[in-house]
Amino acid sequence: MDGNPEERARLHAVVEGRVQGVNFRYYTVRTARRLGLTGWVANRWDGTVETVAEGPRAALEAFLDFLHEGSPAARVTRVNARWERPTGEFTDFTVRYL
């Protein structure tokens, strides 16, 4: 999905490392809202954090950069990300509980 940075897209990512218990979800919500994205973030049972975000491609690229860094106390070791077609199903960016 290359092209226009204003083109709407969807990013689905799973973040590995020390990402639970370090305010990762809080910083993810804050960053996503600042970038004007919609979607969600959740802790998974296996210790990873999963997120789905929709918005302009350029904002999602910045969000992906954030995911590689995480919150100040986080230690991200890997981000498994894939680009998908946006669905427009979200109205805000929230924490989900899986």
N, C-alpha and C. Protein backbone atom coordinates (compact mmCIF):
# COMPACT_ATOMS: atom_id res chain seq x y z
N MET A 1 0.83 -1.18 0.00
CA MET A 1 0.00 0.00 0.00
C MET A 1 0.87 1.25 0.00
N ASP A 2 1.51 1.55 -1.06
CA ASP A 2 2.29 2.78 -1.17
C ASP A 2 1.40 3.87 -1.75
N GLY A 3 1.86 5.09 -1.66
CA GLY A 3 1.12 6.15 -2.31
C GLY A 3 0.98 7.39 -1.46
N ASN A 4 -0.14 8.06 -1.62
CA ASN A 4 -0.46 9.33 -1.00
C ASN A 4 -0.38 9.26 0.52
N PRO A 5 0.41 10.16 1.17
CA PRO A 5 0.51 10.13 2.63
C PRO A 5 -0.81 10.47 3.33
N GLU A 6 -1.74 11.11 2.61
CA GLU A 6 -3.06 11.41 3.18
C GLU A 6 -4.05 10.27 2.98
N GLU A 7 -3.66 9.28 2.18
CA GLU A 7 -4.52 8.13 1.94
C GLU A 7 -4.78 7.43 3.26
N ARG A 8 -6.04 7.07 3.50
CA ARG A 8 -6.38 6.37 4.74
C ARG A 8 -5.93 4.92 4.66
N ALA A 9 -5.43 4.43 5.78
CA ALA A 9 -4.94 3.06 5.85
C ALA A 9 -5.23 2.51 7.23
N ARG A 10 -4.87 1.24 7.42
CA ARG A 10 -5.06 0.56 8.70
C ARG A 10 -3.78 -0.19 9.03
N LEU A 11 -3.32 -0.04 10.25
CA LEU A 11 -2.12 -0.71 10.73
C LEU A 11 -2.52 -1.67 11.84
N HIS A 12 -2.11 -2.92 11.70
CA HIS A 12 -2.36 -3.93 12.74
C HIS A 12 -0.98 -4.39 13.21
N ALA A 13 -0.70 -4.21 14.51
CA ALA A 13 0.64 -4.52 15.01
C ALA A 13 0.58 -5.25 16.34
N VAL A 14 1.57 -6.14 16.53
CA VAL A 14 1.79 -6.81 17.81
C VAL A 14 3.21 -6.45 18.25
N VAL A 15 3.31 -5.90 19.46
CA VAL A 15 4.58 -5.40 19.98
C VAL A 15 5.10 -6.37 21.04
N GLU A 16 6.35 -6.80 20.87
CA GLU A 16 6.97 -7.74 21.79
C GLU A 16 8.03 -7.04 22.63
N GLY A 17 8.36 -7.64 23.77
CA GLY A 17 9.37 -7.10 24.67
C GLY A 17 8.79 -6.88 26.05
N ARG A 18 9.39 -5.95 26.79
CA ARG A 18 8.84 -5.58 28.10
C ARG A 18 7.84 -4.46 27.83
N VAL A 19 6.60 -4.84 27.55
CA VAL A 19 5.60 -3.88 27.10
C VAL A 19 4.33 -3.91 27.95
N GLN A 20 4.27 -4.76 28.96
CA GLN A 20 3.13 -4.75 29.88
C GLN A 20 3.62 -4.30 31.25
N GLY A 21 2.77 -3.53 31.95
CA GLY A 21 3.13 -3.02 33.26
C GLY A 21 4.09 -1.84 33.21
N VAL A 22 4.20 -1.20 32.04
CA VAL A 22 5.13 -0.07 31.85
C VAL A 22 4.42 1.13 31.20
N ASN A 23 3.10 1.21 31.38
CA ASN A 23 2.28 2.29 30.82
C ASN A 23 2.28 2.34 29.29
N PHE A 24 2.56 1.21 28.65
CA PHE A 24 2.61 1.16 27.20
C PHE A 24 1.26 1.55 26.59
N ARG A 25 0.17 0.98 27.13
CA ARG A 25 -1.15 1.29 26.56
C ARG A 25 -1.49 2.77 26.72
N TYR A 26 -1.19 3.35 27.87
CA TYR A 26 -1.46 4.77 28.10
C TYR A 26 -0.75 5.64 27.05
N TYR A 27 0.53 5.40 26.85
CA TYR A 27 1.30 6.18 25.88
C TYR A 27 0.82 5.92 24.45
N THR A 28 0.38 4.70 24.18
CA THR A 28 -0.13 4.37 22.85
C THR A 28 -1.41 5.14 22.56
N VAL A 29 -2.33 5.17 23.53
CA VAL A 29 -3.57 5.93 23.35
C VAL A 29 -3.26 7.41 23.17
N ARG A 30 -2.39 7.94 24.01
CA ARG A 30 -2.03 9.36 23.93
C ARG A 30 -1.43 9.70 22.56
N THR A 31 -0.51 8.86 22.10
CA THR A 31 0.13 9.10 20.80
C THR A 31 -0.87 8.99 19.66
N ALA A 32 -1.69 7.96 19.67
CA ALA A 32 -2.67 7.76 18.60
C ALA A 32 -3.64 8.94 18.53
N ARG A 33 -4.13 9.39 19.67
CA ARG A 33 -5.07 10.51 19.67
C ARG A 33 -4.40 11.79 19.18
N ARG A 34 -3.14 12.00 19.59
CA ARG A 34 -2.41 13.19 19.13
C ARG A 34 -2.26 13.18 17.61
N LEU A 35 -2.10 11.98 17.04
CA LEU A 35 -1.92 11.84 15.60
C LEU A 35 -3.26 11.81 14.84
N GLY A 36 -4.37 11.83 15.59
CA GLY A 36 -5.69 11.82 14.95
C GLY A 36 -6.12 10.45 14.47
N LEU A 37 -5.60 9.40 15.08
CA LEU A 37 -5.93 8.04 14.67
C LEU A 37 -7.11 7.50 15.48
N THR A 38 -7.76 6.49 14.92
CA THR A 38 -8.80 5.76 15.64
C THR A 38 -8.39 4.30 15.71
N GLY A 39 -8.96 3.58 16.69
CA GLY A 39 -8.65 2.16 16.83
C GLY A 39 -8.57 1.76 18.28
N TRP A 40 -7.68 0.82 18.59
CA TRP A 40 -7.58 0.31 19.96
C TRP A 40 -6.20 -0.29 20.23
N VAL A 41 -5.92 -0.50 21.53
CA VAL A 41 -4.71 -1.16 21.99
C VAL A 41 -5.11 -2.08 23.13
N ALA A 42 -4.45 -3.24 23.23
CA ALA A 42 -4.79 -4.20 24.29
C ALA A 42 -3.57 -5.02 24.68
N ASN A 43 -3.52 -5.39 25.97
CA ASN A 43 -2.55 -6.38 26.43
C ASN A 43 -3.06 -7.75 26.02
N ARG A 44 -2.14 -8.61 25.56
CA ARG A 44 -2.51 -9.99 25.22
C ARG A 44 -1.99 -10.92 26.30
N TRP A 45 -2.60 -12.09 26.37
CA TRP A 45 -2.26 -13.07 27.41
C TRP A 45 -0.80 -13.51 27.35
N ASP A 46 -0.17 -13.39 26.19
CA ASP A 46 1.21 -13.88 26.03
C ASP A 46 2.27 -12.82 26.38
N GLY A 47 1.83 -11.67 26.92
CA GLY A 47 2.78 -10.64 27.32
C GLY A 47 3.05 -9.59 26.26
N THR A 48 2.45 -9.74 25.09
CA THR A 48 2.62 -8.76 24.02
C THR A 48 1.50 -7.72 24.10
N VAL A 49 1.62 -6.68 23.30
CA VAL A 49 0.57 -5.66 23.17
C VAL A 49 0.15 -5.64 21.71
N GLU A 50 -1.17 -5.67 21.49
CA GLU A 50 -1.72 -5.64 20.13
C GLU A 50 -2.43 -4.32 19.92
N THR A 51 -2.31 -3.78 18.72
CA THR A 51 -3.00 -2.53 18.39
C THR A 51 -3.47 -2.55 16.95
N VAL A 52 -4.61 -1.91 16.73
CA VAL A 52 -5.15 -1.67 15.40
C VAL A 52 -5.44 -0.18 15.32
N ALA A 53 -4.92 0.48 14.30
CA ALA A 53 -5.11 1.92 14.15
C ALA A 53 -5.46 2.25 12.71
N GLU A 54 -6.35 3.23 12.55
CA GLU A 54 -6.72 3.71 11.23
C GLU A 54 -6.55 5.22 11.16
N GLY A 55 -6.20 5.69 9.99
CA GLY A 55 -6.05 7.13 9.76
C GLY A 55 -5.20 7.37 8.54
N PRO A 56 -4.75 8.61 8.36
CA PRO A 56 -3.88 8.93 7.23
C PRO A 56 -2.58 8.13 7.29
N ARG A 57 -2.12 7.68 6.14
CA ARG A 57 -0.91 6.85 6.08
C ARG A 57 0.28 7.51 6.79
N ALA A 58 0.47 8.82 6.59
CA ALA A 58 1.61 9.50 7.21
C ALA A 58 1.52 9.45 8.73
N ALA A 59 0.32 9.62 9.28
CA ALA A 59 0.14 9.55 10.73
C ALA A 59 0.39 8.13 11.23
N LEU A 60 -0.02 7.14 10.47
CA LEU A 60 0.22 5.75 10.85
C LEU A 60 1.71 5.41 10.82
N GLU A 61 2.44 5.99 9.88
CA GLU A 61 3.90 5.78 9.84
C GLU A 61 4.54 6.34 11.11
N ALA A 62 4.08 7.52 11.56
CA ALA A 62 4.60 8.10 12.79
C ALA A 62 4.21 7.23 13.99
N PHE A 63 3.01 6.69 13.98
CA PHE A 63 2.54 5.80 15.04
C PHE A 63 3.40 4.53 15.10
N LEU A 64 3.72 3.99 13.93
CA LEU A 64 4.59 2.81 13.87
C LEU A 64 5.97 3.11 14.43
N ASP A 65 6.50 4.29 14.15
CA ASP A 65 7.77 4.70 14.74
C ASP A 65 7.67 4.70 16.26
N PHE A 66 6.56 5.24 16.80
CA PHE A 66 6.35 5.23 18.25
C PHE A 66 6.33 3.81 18.79
N LEU A 67 5.65 2.90 18.10
CA LEU A 67 5.54 1.52 18.59
C LEU A 67 6.90 0.86 18.74
N HIS A 68 7.86 1.25 17.93
CA HIS A 68 9.21 0.69 18.05
C HIS A 68 9.94 1.21 19.28
N GLU A 69 9.50 2.35 19.81
CA GLU A 69 10.10 2.93 21.01
C GLU A 69 9.30 2.61 22.26
N GLY A 70 7.98 2.83 22.20
CA GLY A 70 7.10 2.57 23.33
C GLY A 70 7.19 3.62 24.40
N SER A 71 6.67 3.28 25.57
CA SER A 71 6.69 4.19 26.71
C SER A 71 8.12 4.27 27.26
N PRO A 72 8.40 5.28 28.10
CA PRO A 72 9.78 5.43 28.61
C PRO A 72 10.33 4.18 29.31
N ALA A 73 9.48 3.42 30.02
CA ALA A 73 9.96 2.24 30.75
C ALA A 73 9.93 0.96 29.91
N ALA A 74 9.37 1.02 28.72
CA ALA A 74 9.26 -0.17 27.87
C ALA A 74 10.59 -0.53 27.22
N ARG A 75 10.73 -1.78 26.88
CA ARG A 75 11.87 -2.26 26.09
C ARG A 75 11.30 -3.09 24.94
N VAL A 76 11.09 -2.44 23.80
CA VAL A 76 10.51 -3.11 22.64
C VAL A 76 11.60 -3.92 21.95
N THR A 77 11.34 -5.20 21.73
CA THR A 77 12.30 -6.05 21.04
C THR A 77 11.88 -6.35 19.60
N ARG A 78 10.56 -6.25 19.32
CA ARG A 78 10.09 -6.56 17.97
C ARG A 78 8.69 -5.99 17.77
N VAL A 79 8.43 -5.51 16.57
CA VAL A 79 7.09 -5.08 16.19
C VAL A 79 6.71 -5.83 14.92
N ASN A 80 5.68 -6.65 15.03
CA ASN A 80 5.14 -7.36 13.87
C ASN A 80 3.97 -6.54 13.35
N ALA A 81 4.17 -5.86 12.23
CA ALA A 81 3.14 -4.95 11.71
C ALA A 81 2.72 -5.36 10.31
N ARG A 82 1.44 -5.16 10.05
CA ARG A 82 0.95 -5.38 8.68
C ARG A 82 -0.05 -4.30 8.33
N TRP A 83 -0.04 -3.92 7.06
CA TRP A 83 -0.95 -2.90 6.54
C TRP A 83 -2.19 -3.59 6.01
N GLU A 84 -3.33 -2.99 6.31
CA GLU A 84 -4.61 -3.55 5.88
C GLU A 84 -5.48 -2.43 5.31
N ARG A 85 -6.60 -2.82 4.74
CA ARG A 85 -7.55 -1.83 4.24
C ARG A 85 -8.36 -1.28 5.42
N PRO A 86 -8.55 0.04 5.49
CA PRO A 86 -9.34 0.61 6.59
C PRO A 86 -10.81 0.25 6.46
N THR A 87 -11.47 0.10 7.60
CA THR A 87 -12.90 -0.24 7.61
C THR A 87 -13.76 0.94 8.06
N GLY A 88 -13.15 1.91 8.75
CA GLY A 88 -13.91 3.04 9.25
C GLY A 88 -14.80 2.69 10.44
N GLU A 89 -14.53 1.55 11.09
CA GLU A 89 -15.40 1.09 12.18
C GLU A 89 -15.19 1.81 13.51
N PHE A 90 -14.11 2.55 13.67
CA PHE A 90 -13.77 3.18 14.95
C PHE A 90 -14.11 4.67 14.95
N THR A 91 -14.47 5.18 16.13
CA THR A 91 -14.74 6.61 16.27
C THR A 91 -13.73 7.29 17.19
N ASP A 92 -12.94 6.50 17.92
CA ASP A 92 -11.97 7.03 18.88
C ASP A 92 -10.83 6.01 18.97
N PHE A 93 -9.84 6.31 19.80
CA PHE A 93 -8.77 5.35 20.06
C PHE A 93 -8.86 4.98 21.54
N THR A 94 -9.05 3.70 21.84
CA THR A 94 -9.35 3.26 23.20
C THR A 94 -8.50 2.05 23.61
N VAL A 95 -8.53 1.76 24.91
CA VAL A 95 -7.96 0.52 25.43
C VAL A 95 -9.02 -0.56 25.37
N ARG A 96 -8.65 -1.71 24.85
CA ARG A 96 -9.54 -2.87 24.83
C ARG A 96 -9.01 -3.90 25.81
N TYR A 97 -9.91 -4.69 26.33
CA TYR A 97 -9.52 -5.77 27.25
C TYR A 97 -9.89 -7.09 26.59
N LEU A 98 -8.86 -7.85 26.22
CA LEU A 98 -9.07 -9.11 25.49
C LEU A 98 -9.27 -10.26 26.46
